Amino acid sequence: MKIFLFVLFATIFEATGDAVIRIALHHPSLASRIALFGCGGLLLALYGTSLNLAPVEFGKVVGIYIATLFVMFQITNYIFFKTLPSMPTLTGGGLILVGGLIVGRNIELVPNQRIVQAWRPSSWDPGIYSLVRFELKPHSYETLIVLDHSSFPEGDFKHLEWGWNAHYWEPMKKRFS
């Protein structure tokens, strides 16, 4: 938890510092612009300091850092500029799961219907991605999730099946049952 807090504060400082610098660049008053640059610079210095003081090697938290930063940028864009993330931003957004053991990208997001993602474990050869498709189907008073995972290397089925059950389906059954 302590490490996550360092990462969280670093991303808050980075995203907020960036937003303040963007405001400073276009502010009409020179005095305000100088003050905003100073404030933004301080926030960016706090970002670098907090990240470098984290009690863990950065390479071990880079996945959670990038994912948290993506979320913080969306939040600060809304707070400072009243800009909601567009569907292309969310659709093109990268995924980093299990600390970078699995990476991918959102390909299609259809609210309440479908999620399609390209995934690859870090152990696969570069450029090899599988296609993961979640269909959300109304079923009585519940939602049925239909998974279609395709285009993975031959011989990986048993490992992937185990991973889906151990890390997704069983925890969801426990949580929602």
N, C-alpha and C. Protein backbone atom coordinates (compact mmCIF):
# COMPACT_ATOMS: atom_id res chain seq x y z
N MET A 1 0.82 -1.19 0.00
CA MET A 1 0.00 0.00 0.00
C MET A 1 0.87 1.27 0.00
N LYS A 2 1.96 1.20 0.76
CA LYS A 2 2.87 2.34 0.84
C LYS A 2 3.43 2.70 -0.53
N ILE A 3 3.81 1.67 -1.29
CA ILE A 3 4.38 1.89 -2.62
C ILE A 3 3.33 2.48 -3.55
N PHE A 4 2.10 1.96 -3.48
CA PHE A 4 1.03 2.50 -4.32
C PHE A 4 0.78 3.97 -4.00
N LEU A 5 0.86 4.36 -2.72
CA LEU A 5 0.66 5.77 -2.36
C LEU A 5 1.74 6.66 -2.98
N PHE A 6 2.99 6.19 -2.99
CA PHE A 6 4.05 6.96 -3.65
C PHE A 6 3.71 7.14 -5.14
N VAL A 7 3.30 6.05 -5.78
CA VAL A 7 2.94 6.11 -7.21
C VAL A 7 1.76 7.03 -7.42
N LEU A 8 0.74 6.91 -6.57
CA LEU A 8 -0.46 7.75 -6.70
C LEU A 8 -0.11 9.23 -6.57
N PHE A 9 0.66 9.59 -5.53
CA PHE A 9 1.02 10.99 -5.36
C PHE A 9 1.90 11.49 -6.51
N ALA A 10 2.81 10.66 -6.98
CA ALA A 10 3.66 11.06 -8.11
C ALA A 10 2.81 11.37 -9.33
N THR A 11 1.80 10.53 -9.62
CA THR A 11 0.96 10.77 -10.80
C THR A 11 0.07 11.99 -10.60
N ILE A 12 -0.41 12.21 -9.38
CA ILE A 12 -1.21 13.42 -9.11
C ILE A 12 -0.35 14.65 -9.34
N PHE A 13 0.87 14.66 -8.79
CA PHE A 13 1.77 15.81 -8.98
C PHE A 13 2.10 16.02 -10.45
N GLU A 14 2.36 14.93 -11.20
CA GLU A 14 2.73 15.07 -12.61
C GLU A 14 1.56 15.60 -13.44
N ALA A 15 0.39 15.00 -13.29
CA ALA A 15 -0.76 15.41 -14.10
C ALA A 15 -1.20 16.83 -13.74
N THR A 16 -1.20 17.16 -12.45
CA THR A 16 -1.61 18.51 -12.03
C THR A 16 -0.57 19.55 -12.45
N GLY A 17 0.71 19.22 -12.30
CA GLY A 17 1.76 20.14 -12.73
C GLY A 17 1.67 20.43 -14.22
N ASP A 18 1.41 19.39 -15.00
CA ASP A 18 1.25 19.56 -16.45
C ASP A 18 0.07 20.49 -16.75
N ALA A 19 -1.06 20.28 -16.06
CA ALA A 19 -2.25 21.11 -16.30
C ALA A 19 -1.97 22.58 -15.94
N VAL A 20 -1.28 22.81 -14.83
CA VAL A 20 -0.98 24.19 -14.42
C VAL A 20 -0.03 24.85 -15.43
N ILE A 21 0.94 24.11 -15.94
CA ILE A 21 1.84 24.67 -16.97
C ILE A 21 1.05 25.02 -18.23
N ARG A 22 0.09 24.15 -18.63
CA ARG A 22 -0.74 24.45 -19.81
C ARG A 22 -1.55 25.72 -19.60
N ILE A 23 -2.05 25.92 -18.40
CA ILE A 23 -2.81 27.14 -18.10
C ILE A 23 -1.87 28.34 -18.17
N ALA A 24 -0.66 28.20 -17.61
CA ALA A 24 0.31 29.31 -17.59
C ALA A 24 0.68 29.74 -19.00
N LEU A 25 0.81 28.80 -19.90
CA LEU A 25 1.22 29.13 -21.27
C LEU A 25 0.26 30.09 -21.96
N HIS A 26 -1.00 30.06 -21.58
CA HIS A 26 -2.01 30.86 -22.27
C HIS A 26 -2.65 31.94 -21.40
N HIS A 27 -2.11 32.14 -20.21
CA HIS A 27 -2.72 33.14 -19.32
C HIS A 27 -2.35 34.55 -19.80
N PRO A 28 -3.33 35.48 -19.83
CA PRO A 28 -3.06 36.82 -20.36
C PRO A 28 -2.18 37.69 -19.46
N SER A 29 -2.20 37.45 -18.16
CA SER A 29 -1.44 38.29 -17.23
C SER A 29 -0.03 37.73 -17.02
N LEU A 30 0.98 38.58 -17.24
CA LEU A 30 2.37 38.15 -17.07
C LEU A 30 2.64 37.72 -15.64
N ALA A 31 2.16 38.48 -14.65
CA ALA A 31 2.40 38.13 -13.25
C ALA A 31 1.76 36.78 -12.91
N SER A 32 0.54 36.57 -13.37
CA SER A 32 -0.13 35.29 -13.13
C SER A 32 0.58 34.15 -13.85
N ARG A 33 1.04 34.44 -15.06
CA ARG A 33 1.75 33.42 -15.83
C ARG A 33 3.01 32.99 -15.09
N ILE A 34 3.76 33.95 -14.55
CA ILE A 34 4.99 33.62 -13.81
C ILE A 34 4.65 32.80 -12.57
N ALA A 35 3.61 33.20 -11.83
CA ALA A 35 3.20 32.46 -10.63
C ALA A 35 2.74 31.04 -10.99
N LEU A 36 1.99 30.91 -12.07
CA LEU A 36 1.53 29.58 -12.49
C LEU A 36 2.70 28.70 -12.93
N PHE A 37 3.67 29.27 -13.65
CA PHE A 37 4.85 28.50 -14.02
C PHE A 37 5.59 28.03 -12.77
N GLY A 38 5.69 28.89 -11.78
CA GLY A 38 6.35 28.50 -10.52
C GLY A 38 5.61 27.37 -9.82
N CYS A 39 4.29 27.49 -9.76
CA CYS A 39 3.46 26.46 -9.13
C CYS A 39 3.56 25.15 -9.90
N GLY A 40 3.45 25.21 -11.22
CA GLY A 40 3.56 24.01 -12.04
C GLY A 40 4.93 23.37 -11.90
N GLY A 41 5.98 24.21 -11.88
CA GLY A 41 7.33 23.69 -11.70
C GLY A 41 7.51 22.99 -10.36
N LEU A 42 6.92 23.57 -9.31
CA LEU A 42 6.98 22.95 -7.98
C LEU A 42 6.28 21.59 -7.98
N LEU A 43 5.10 21.53 -8.60
CA LEU A 43 4.37 20.26 -8.67
C LEU A 43 5.17 19.21 -9.45
N LEU A 44 5.80 19.61 -10.54
CA LEU A 44 6.60 18.66 -11.32
C LEU A 44 7.85 18.23 -10.55
N ALA A 45 8.42 19.14 -9.74
CA ALA A 45 9.55 18.76 -8.89
C ALA A 45 9.10 17.78 -7.81
N LEU A 46 7.92 17.99 -7.25
CA LEU A 46 7.37 17.05 -6.26
C LEU A 46 7.12 15.68 -6.89
N TYR A 47 6.67 15.68 -8.14
CA TYR A 47 6.47 14.42 -8.87
C TYR A 47 7.79 13.66 -8.96
N GLY A 48 8.83 14.31 -9.44
CA GLY A 48 10.12 13.64 -9.58
C GLY A 48 10.69 13.18 -8.25
N THR A 49 10.52 14.01 -7.23
CA THR A 49 11.03 13.66 -5.90
C THR A 49 10.28 12.47 -5.32
N SER A 50 8.95 12.50 -5.38
CA SER A 50 8.18 11.41 -4.78
C SER A 50 8.43 10.10 -5.51
N LEU A 51 8.56 10.15 -6.82
CA LEU A 51 8.81 8.93 -7.59
C LEU A 51 10.19 8.37 -7.26
N ASN A 52 11.19 9.24 -7.10
CA ASN A 52 12.54 8.78 -6.82
C ASN A 52 12.76 8.39 -5.36
N LEU A 53 11.85 8.80 -4.47
CA LEU A 53 11.94 8.39 -3.07
C LEU A 53 11.13 7.13 -2.78
N ALA A 54 10.38 6.66 -3.74
CA ALA A 54 9.57 5.45 -3.54
C ALA A 54 10.47 4.30 -3.10
N PRO A 55 10.03 3.53 -2.10
CA PRO A 55 10.88 2.46 -1.56
C PRO A 55 10.88 1.19 -2.42
N VAL A 56 10.97 1.37 -3.73
CA VAL A 56 11.01 0.24 -4.65
C VAL A 56 11.67 0.70 -5.94
N GLU A 57 12.26 -0.23 -6.66
CA GLU A 57 12.86 0.08 -7.96
C GLU A 57 11.74 0.43 -8.95
N PHE A 58 11.90 1.53 -9.70
CA PHE A 58 10.85 2.00 -10.59
C PHE A 58 10.41 0.95 -11.60
N GLY A 59 11.33 0.14 -12.09
CA GLY A 59 11.00 -0.90 -13.06
C GLY A 59 9.96 -1.88 -12.56
N LYS A 60 9.85 -2.02 -11.25
CA LYS A 60 8.88 -2.96 -10.67
C LYS A 60 7.48 -2.37 -10.58
N VAL A 61 7.36 -1.05 -10.69
CA VAL A 61 6.04 -0.41 -10.57
C VAL A 61 5.65 0.35 -11.83
N VAL A 62 6.41 0.22 -12.90
CA VAL A 62 6.14 1.01 -14.10
C VAL A 62 4.75 0.74 -14.66
N GLY A 63 4.28 -0.49 -14.60
CA GLY A 63 2.95 -0.82 -15.12
C GLY A 63 1.86 -0.07 -14.37
N ILE A 64 1.89 -0.15 -13.05
CA ILE A 64 0.87 0.53 -12.24
C ILE A 64 1.02 2.05 -12.37
N TYR A 65 2.26 2.52 -12.55
CA TYR A 65 2.48 3.95 -12.71
C TYR A 65 1.81 4.46 -13.99
N ILE A 66 2.04 3.78 -15.10
CA ILE A 66 1.48 4.24 -16.38
C ILE A 66 -0.05 4.18 -16.35
N ALA A 67 -0.59 3.11 -15.80
CA ALA A 67 -2.05 3.00 -15.72
C ALA A 67 -2.64 4.10 -14.84
N THR A 68 -2.01 4.36 -13.69
CA THR A 68 -2.49 5.41 -12.78
C THR A 68 -2.34 6.79 -13.42
N LEU A 69 -1.23 7.02 -14.12
CA LEU A 69 -1.03 8.31 -14.79
C LEU A 69 -2.09 8.55 -15.86
N PHE A 70 -2.44 7.52 -16.63
CA PHE A 70 -3.49 7.65 -17.64
C PHE A 70 -4.79 8.12 -16.99
N VAL A 71 -5.15 7.51 -15.87
CA VAL A 71 -6.38 7.89 -15.16
C VAL A 71 -6.26 9.31 -14.61
N MET A 72 -5.12 9.67 -14.02
CA MET A 72 -4.93 11.01 -13.45
C MET A 72 -5.00 12.09 -14.53
N PHE A 73 -4.44 11.81 -15.72
CA PHE A 73 -4.54 12.79 -16.81
C PHE A 73 -5.99 13.01 -17.20
N GLN A 74 -6.81 11.97 -17.23
CA GLN A 74 -8.23 12.14 -17.56
C GLN A 74 -8.94 12.96 -16.49
N ILE A 75 -8.62 12.70 -15.23
CA ILE A 75 -9.24 13.43 -14.11
C ILE A 75 -8.84 14.89 -14.14
N THR A 76 -7.54 15.18 -14.30
CA THR A 76 -7.11 16.58 -14.31
C THR A 76 -7.63 17.33 -15.53
N ASN A 77 -7.73 16.65 -16.67
CA ASN A 77 -8.32 17.31 -17.85
C ASN A 77 -9.76 17.72 -17.57
N TYR A 78 -10.48 16.89 -16.85
CA TYR A 78 -11.86 17.25 -16.52
C TYR A 78 -11.90 18.38 -15.48
N ILE A 79 -11.10 18.27 -14.43
CA ILE A 79 -11.13 19.28 -13.36
C ILE A 79 -10.68 20.65 -13.87
N PHE A 80 -9.58 20.69 -14.61
CA PHE A 80 -9.01 21.97 -15.04
C PHE A 80 -9.63 22.52 -16.32
N PHE A 81 -10.01 21.63 -17.24
CA PHE A 81 -10.43 22.09 -18.56
C PHE A 81 -11.84 21.64 -18.94
N LYS A 82 -12.53 20.96 -18.01
CA LYS A 82 -13.91 20.46 -18.25
C LYS A 82 -13.99 19.61 -19.52
N THR A 83 -12.94 18.82 -19.76
CA THR A 83 -12.87 17.96 -20.94
C THR A 83 -12.99 16.50 -20.51
N LEU A 84 -14.05 15.86 -21.00
CA LEU A 84 -14.21 14.43 -20.74
C LEU A 84 -13.38 13.65 -21.74
N PRO A 85 -12.87 12.48 -21.33
CA PRO A 85 -12.12 11.69 -22.31
C PRO A 85 -13.04 11.23 -23.43
N SER A 86 -12.55 11.33 -24.65
CA SER A 86 -13.36 10.91 -25.79
C SER A 86 -13.30 9.38 -25.92
N MET A 87 -14.24 8.82 -26.67
CA MET A 87 -14.23 7.37 -26.88
C MET A 87 -12.93 6.93 -27.56
N PRO A 88 -12.38 7.69 -28.54
CA PRO A 88 -11.08 7.26 -29.10
C PRO A 88 -9.96 7.25 -28.05
N THR A 89 -9.99 8.17 -27.08
CA THR A 89 -8.98 8.16 -26.03
C THR A 89 -9.10 6.90 -25.20
N LEU A 90 -10.33 6.58 -24.81
CA LEU A 90 -10.55 5.38 -24.02
C LEU A 90 -10.29 4.13 -24.85
N THR A 91 -10.73 4.15 -26.10
CA THR A 91 -10.56 2.98 -26.96
C THR A 91 -9.08 2.72 -27.23
N GLY A 92 -8.32 3.74 -27.48
CA GLY A 92 -6.89 3.54 -27.76
C GLY A 92 -6.05 3.38 -26.51
N GLY A 93 -6.68 3.50 -25.34
CA GLY A 93 -5.95 3.42 -24.09
C GLY A 93 -5.26 2.08 -23.89
N GLY A 94 -4.05 2.15 -23.37
CA GLY A 94 -3.29 0.93 -23.14
C GLY A 94 -3.71 0.24 -21.86
N LEU A 95 -3.46 -1.05 -21.80
CA LEU A 95 -3.71 -1.84 -20.60
C LEU A 95 -2.40 -2.36 -20.08
N ILE A 96 -2.24 -2.33 -18.80
CA ILE A 96 -1.08 -2.95 -18.18
C ILE A 96 -1.63 -3.70 -16.98
N LEU A 97 -1.53 -5.01 -17.02
CA LEU A 97 -2.10 -5.85 -15.98
C LEU A 97 -1.00 -6.64 -15.28
N VAL A 98 -1.25 -6.95 -14.05
CA VAL A 98 -0.37 -7.78 -13.24
C VAL A 98 1.06 -7.22 -13.28
N GLY A 99 1.18 -5.91 -13.03
CA GLY A 99 2.49 -5.28 -12.97
C GLY A 99 3.29 -5.34 -14.25
N GLY A 100 2.60 -5.42 -15.40
CA GLY A 100 3.29 -5.44 -16.69
C GLY A 100 3.48 -6.82 -17.26
N LEU A 101 2.99 -7.87 -16.58
CA LEU A 101 3.10 -9.22 -17.13
C LEU A 101 2.21 -9.39 -18.36
N ILE A 102 1.13 -8.60 -18.41
CA ILE A 102 0.23 -8.60 -19.57
C ILE A 102 0.06 -7.16 -20.01
N VAL A 103 0.25 -6.89 -21.29
CA VAL A 103 0.02 -5.55 -21.83
C VAL A 103 -0.93 -5.66 -23.02
N GLY A 104 -1.56 -4.56 -23.34
CA GLY A 104 -2.47 -4.58 -24.47
C GLY A 104 -3.07 -3.22 -24.74
N ARG A 105 -4.15 -3.24 -25.52
CA ARG A 105 -4.79 -1.99 -25.92
C ARG A 105 -6.27 -2.26 -26.13
N ASN A 106 -7.08 -1.28 -25.72
CA ASN A 106 -8.51 -1.35 -26.02
C ASN A 106 -8.71 -1.10 -27.50
N ILE A 107 -9.44 -1.97 -28.16
CA ILE A 107 -9.71 -1.83 -29.59
C ILE A 107 -11.13 -1.32 -29.82
N GLU A 108 -12.07 -1.84 -29.05
CA GLU A 108 -13.47 -1.43 -29.22
C GLU A 108 -14.15 -1.44 -27.86
N LEU A 109 -14.86 -0.36 -27.55
CA LEU A 109 -15.65 -0.26 -26.33
C LEU A 109 -17.06 0.17 -26.72
N VAL A 110 -18.01 -0.70 -26.51
CA VAL A 110 -19.41 -0.38 -26.77
C VAL A 110 -20.13 -0.51 -25.43
N PRO A 111 -20.49 0.62 -24.81
CA PRO A 111 -21.08 0.57 -23.47
C PRO A 111 -22.23 -0.43 -23.36
N ASN A 112 -22.17 -1.21 -22.30
CA ASN A 112 -23.19 -2.22 -21.96
C ASN A 112 -23.32 -3.34 -22.99
N GLN A 113 -22.37 -3.46 -23.92
CA GLN A 113 -22.46 -4.50 -24.94
C GLN A 113 -21.18 -5.30 -25.13
N ARG A 114 -20.06 -4.58 -25.35
CA ARG A 114 -18.87 -5.30 -25.81
C ARG A 114 -17.59 -4.55 -25.46
N ILE A 115 -16.55 -5.34 -25.15
CA ILE A 115 -15.19 -4.84 -24.97
C ILE A 115 -14.29 -5.75 -25.79
N VAL A 116 -13.47 -5.17 -26.66
CA VAL A 116 -12.51 -5.96 -27.45
C VAL A 116 -11.13 -5.38 -27.18
N GLN A 117 -10.19 -6.27 -26.85
CA GLN A 117 -8.85 -5.84 -26.50
C GLN A 117 -7.82 -6.74 -27.18
N ALA A 118 -6.67 -6.17 -27.50
CA ALA A 118 -5.51 -6.94 -27.95
C ALA A 118 -4.61 -7.12 -26.73
N TRP A 119 -4.27 -8.37 -26.41
CA TRP A 119 -3.46 -8.68 -25.22
C TRP A 119 -2.22 -9.46 -25.62
N ARG A 120 -1.18 -9.29 -24.79
CA ARG A 120 0.01 -10.14 -24.95
C ARG A 120 0.74 -10.24 -23.62
N PRO A 121 1.00 -11.46 -23.17
CA PRO A 121 1.88 -11.62 -22.01
C PRO A 121 3.30 -11.21 -22.40
N SER A 122 4.06 -10.71 -21.45
CA SER A 122 5.43 -10.28 -21.75
C SER A 122 6.32 -11.44 -22.16
N SER A 123 5.90 -12.67 -21.89
CA SER A 123 6.71 -13.84 -22.26
C SER A 123 6.60 -14.20 -23.74
N TRP A 124 5.60 -13.67 -24.45
CA TRP A 124 5.44 -13.98 -25.87
C TRP A 124 6.46 -13.20 -26.69
N ASP A 125 6.72 -13.70 -27.89
CA ASP A 125 7.62 -12.99 -28.79
C ASP A 125 7.05 -11.62 -29.12
N PRO A 126 7.91 -10.60 -29.33
CA PRO A 126 7.42 -9.26 -29.67
C PRO A 126 6.50 -9.29 -30.88
N GLY A 127 5.46 -8.48 -30.84
CA GLY A 127 4.53 -8.35 -31.96
C GLY A 127 3.42 -9.39 -31.98
N ILE A 128 3.45 -10.36 -31.08
CA ILE A 128 2.40 -11.39 -31.02
C ILE A 128 1.34 -10.93 -30.02
N TYR A 129 0.10 -10.78 -30.49
CA TYR A 129 -1.02 -10.38 -29.65
C TYR A 129 -2.17 -11.36 -29.84
N SER A 130 -2.93 -11.56 -28.79
CA SER A 130 -4.17 -12.33 -28.90
C SER A 130 -5.33 -11.34 -28.86
N LEU A 131 -6.49 -11.81 -29.25
CA LEU A 131 -7.69 -10.98 -29.26
C LEU A 131 -8.61 -11.46 -28.15
N VAL A 132 -8.99 -10.54 -27.26
CA VAL A 132 -9.89 -10.86 -26.16
C VAL A 132 -11.17 -10.07 -26.36
N ARG A 133 -12.28 -10.78 -26.38
CA ARG A 133 -13.57 -10.13 -26.62
C ARG A 133 -14.53 -10.52 -25.49
N PHE A 134 -15.08 -9.51 -24.83
CA PHE A 134 -16.08 -9.72 -23.79
C PHE A 134 -17.41 -9.22 -24.33
N GLU A 135 -18.39 -10.10 -24.38
CA GLU A 135 -19.76 -9.71 -24.76
C GLU A 135 -20.58 -9.67 -23.47
N LEU A 136 -21.31 -8.59 -23.26
CA LEU A 136 -22.18 -8.45 -22.09
C LEU A 136 -23.61 -8.65 -22.56
N LYS A 137 -24.25 -9.70 -22.03
CA LYS A 137 -25.61 -10.05 -22.50
C LYS A 137 -26.57 -10.05 -21.33
N PRO A 138 -27.71 -9.36 -21.49
CA PRO A 138 -28.73 -9.39 -20.43
C PRO A 138 -29.22 -10.83 -20.26
N HIS A 139 -29.35 -11.24 -19.02
CA HIS A 139 -29.81 -12.60 -18.72
C HIS A 139 -30.66 -12.53 -17.46
N SER A 140 -31.97 -12.49 -17.66
CA SER A 140 -32.90 -12.35 -16.55
C SER A 140 -32.59 -11.03 -15.83
N TYR A 141 -32.27 -11.10 -14.56
CA TYR A 141 -31.93 -9.89 -13.80
C TYR A 141 -30.42 -9.72 -13.63
N GLU A 142 -29.66 -10.44 -14.43
CA GLU A 142 -28.21 -10.44 -14.32
C GLU A 142 -27.60 -10.09 -15.67
N THR A 143 -26.28 -10.01 -15.69
CA THR A 143 -25.55 -9.83 -16.94
C THR A 143 -24.64 -11.03 -17.14
N LEU A 144 -24.72 -11.63 -18.28
CA LEU A 144 -23.88 -12.76 -18.63
C LEU A 144 -22.66 -12.21 -19.39
N ILE A 145 -21.47 -12.62 -18.96
CA ILE A 145 -20.24 -12.22 -19.64
C ILE A 145 -19.77 -13.40 -20.48
N VAL A 146 -19.67 -13.18 -21.79
CA VAL A 146 -19.20 -14.22 -22.69
C VAL A 146 -17.80 -13.82 -23.15
N LEU A 147 -16.84 -14.71 -22.88
CA LEU A 147 -15.44 -14.46 -23.24
C LEU A 147 -15.08 -15.24 -24.49
N ASP A 148 -14.43 -14.56 -25.43
CA ASP A 148 -13.85 -15.22 -26.60
C ASP A 148 -12.40 -14.76 -26.67
N HIS A 149 -11.47 -15.66 -26.39
CA HIS A 149 -10.04 -15.35 -26.41
C HIS A 149 -9.44 -16.15 -27.56
N SER A 150 -8.93 -15.46 -28.59
CA SER A 150 -8.45 -16.13 -29.79
C SER A 150 -7.09 -15.59 -30.21
N SER A 151 -6.52 -16.22 -31.22
CA SER A 151 -5.27 -15.79 -31.86
C SER A 151 -4.06 -15.86 -30.93
N PHE A 152 -4.08 -16.78 -29.98
CA PHE A 152 -2.91 -16.95 -29.11
C PHE A 152 -2.05 -18.08 -29.66
N PRO A 153 -0.76 -18.09 -29.30
CA PRO A 153 0.14 -19.12 -29.83
C PRO A 153 -0.32 -20.54 -29.46
N GLU A 154 -0.07 -21.45 -30.38
CA GLU A 154 -0.40 -22.86 -30.14
C GLU A 154 0.29 -23.34 -28.87
N GLY A 155 -0.42 -24.12 -28.09
CA GLY A 155 0.16 -24.67 -26.87
C GLY A 155 -0.08 -23.84 -25.63
N ASP A 156 -0.65 -22.65 -25.77
CA ASP A 156 -0.89 -21.77 -24.62
C ASP A 156 -2.29 -21.91 -24.03
N PHE A 157 -3.15 -22.71 -24.64
CA PHE A 157 -4.55 -22.79 -24.20
C PHE A 157 -4.68 -23.16 -22.73
N LYS A 158 -4.02 -24.23 -22.29
CA LYS A 158 -4.16 -24.70 -20.91
C LYS A 158 -3.73 -23.63 -19.91
N HIS A 159 -2.61 -22.97 -20.20
CA HIS A 159 -2.12 -21.91 -19.30
C HIS A 159 -3.10 -20.74 -19.25
N LEU A 160 -3.59 -20.32 -20.41
CA LEU A 160 -4.54 -19.21 -20.46
C LEU A 160 -5.86 -19.58 -19.77
N GLU A 161 -6.33 -20.80 -19.99
CA GLU A 161 -7.57 -21.25 -19.34
C GLU A 161 -7.41 -21.22 -17.82
N TRP A 162 -6.27 -21.70 -17.33
CA TRP A 162 -6.00 -21.66 -15.89
C TRP A 162 -5.98 -20.20 -15.39
N GLY A 163 -5.30 -19.32 -16.13
CA GLY A 163 -5.20 -17.91 -15.73
C GLY A 163 -6.56 -17.23 -15.66
N TRP A 164 -7.41 -17.46 -16.66
CA TRP A 164 -8.74 -16.87 -16.64
C TRP A 164 -9.53 -17.34 -15.41
N ASN A 165 -9.46 -18.64 -15.14
CA ASN A 165 -10.20 -19.18 -14.00
C ASN A 165 -9.64 -18.68 -12.67
N ALA A 166 -8.33 -18.75 -12.51
CA ALA A 166 -7.69 -18.38 -11.24
C ALA A 166 -7.74 -16.89 -10.95
N HIS A 167 -7.59 -16.06 -11.98
CA HIS A 167 -7.46 -14.62 -11.75
C HIS A 167 -8.70 -13.80 -12.07
N TYR A 168 -9.67 -14.38 -12.77
CA TYR A 168 -10.87 -13.62 -13.15
C TYR A 168 -12.15 -14.28 -12.69
N TRP A 169 -12.44 -15.46 -13.24
CA TRP A 169 -13.76 -16.06 -13.00
C TRP A 169 -13.96 -16.45 -11.55
N GLU A 170 -12.99 -17.12 -10.93
CA GLU A 170 -13.17 -17.52 -9.52
C GLU A 170 -13.27 -16.31 -8.59
N PRO A 171 -12.38 -15.29 -8.70
CA PRO A 171 -12.54 -14.11 -7.85
C PRO A 171 -13.88 -13.40 -8.08
N MET A 172 -14.35 -13.35 -9.35
CA MET A 172 -15.65 -12.70 -9.61
C MET A 172 -16.78 -13.49 -8.97
N LYS A 173 -16.71 -14.82 -9.04
CA LYS A 173 -17.75 -15.63 -8.42
C LYS A 173 -17.79 -15.36 -6.91
N LYS A 174 -16.61 -15.31 -6.28
CA LYS A 174 -16.57 -15.04 -4.84
C LYS A 174 -17.12 -13.65 -4.52
N ARG A 175 -16.76 -12.68 -5.32
CA ARG A 175 -17.16 -11.28 -5.06
C ARG A 175 -18.65 -11.05 -5.29
N PHE A 176 -19.19 -11.62 -6.35
CA PHE A 176 -20.56 -11.31 -6.73
C PHE A 176 -21.59 -12.38 -6.37
N SER A 177 -21.15 -13.46 -5.74
CA SER A 177 -22.11 -14.51 -5.35
C SER A 177 -22.73 -14.23 -4.01
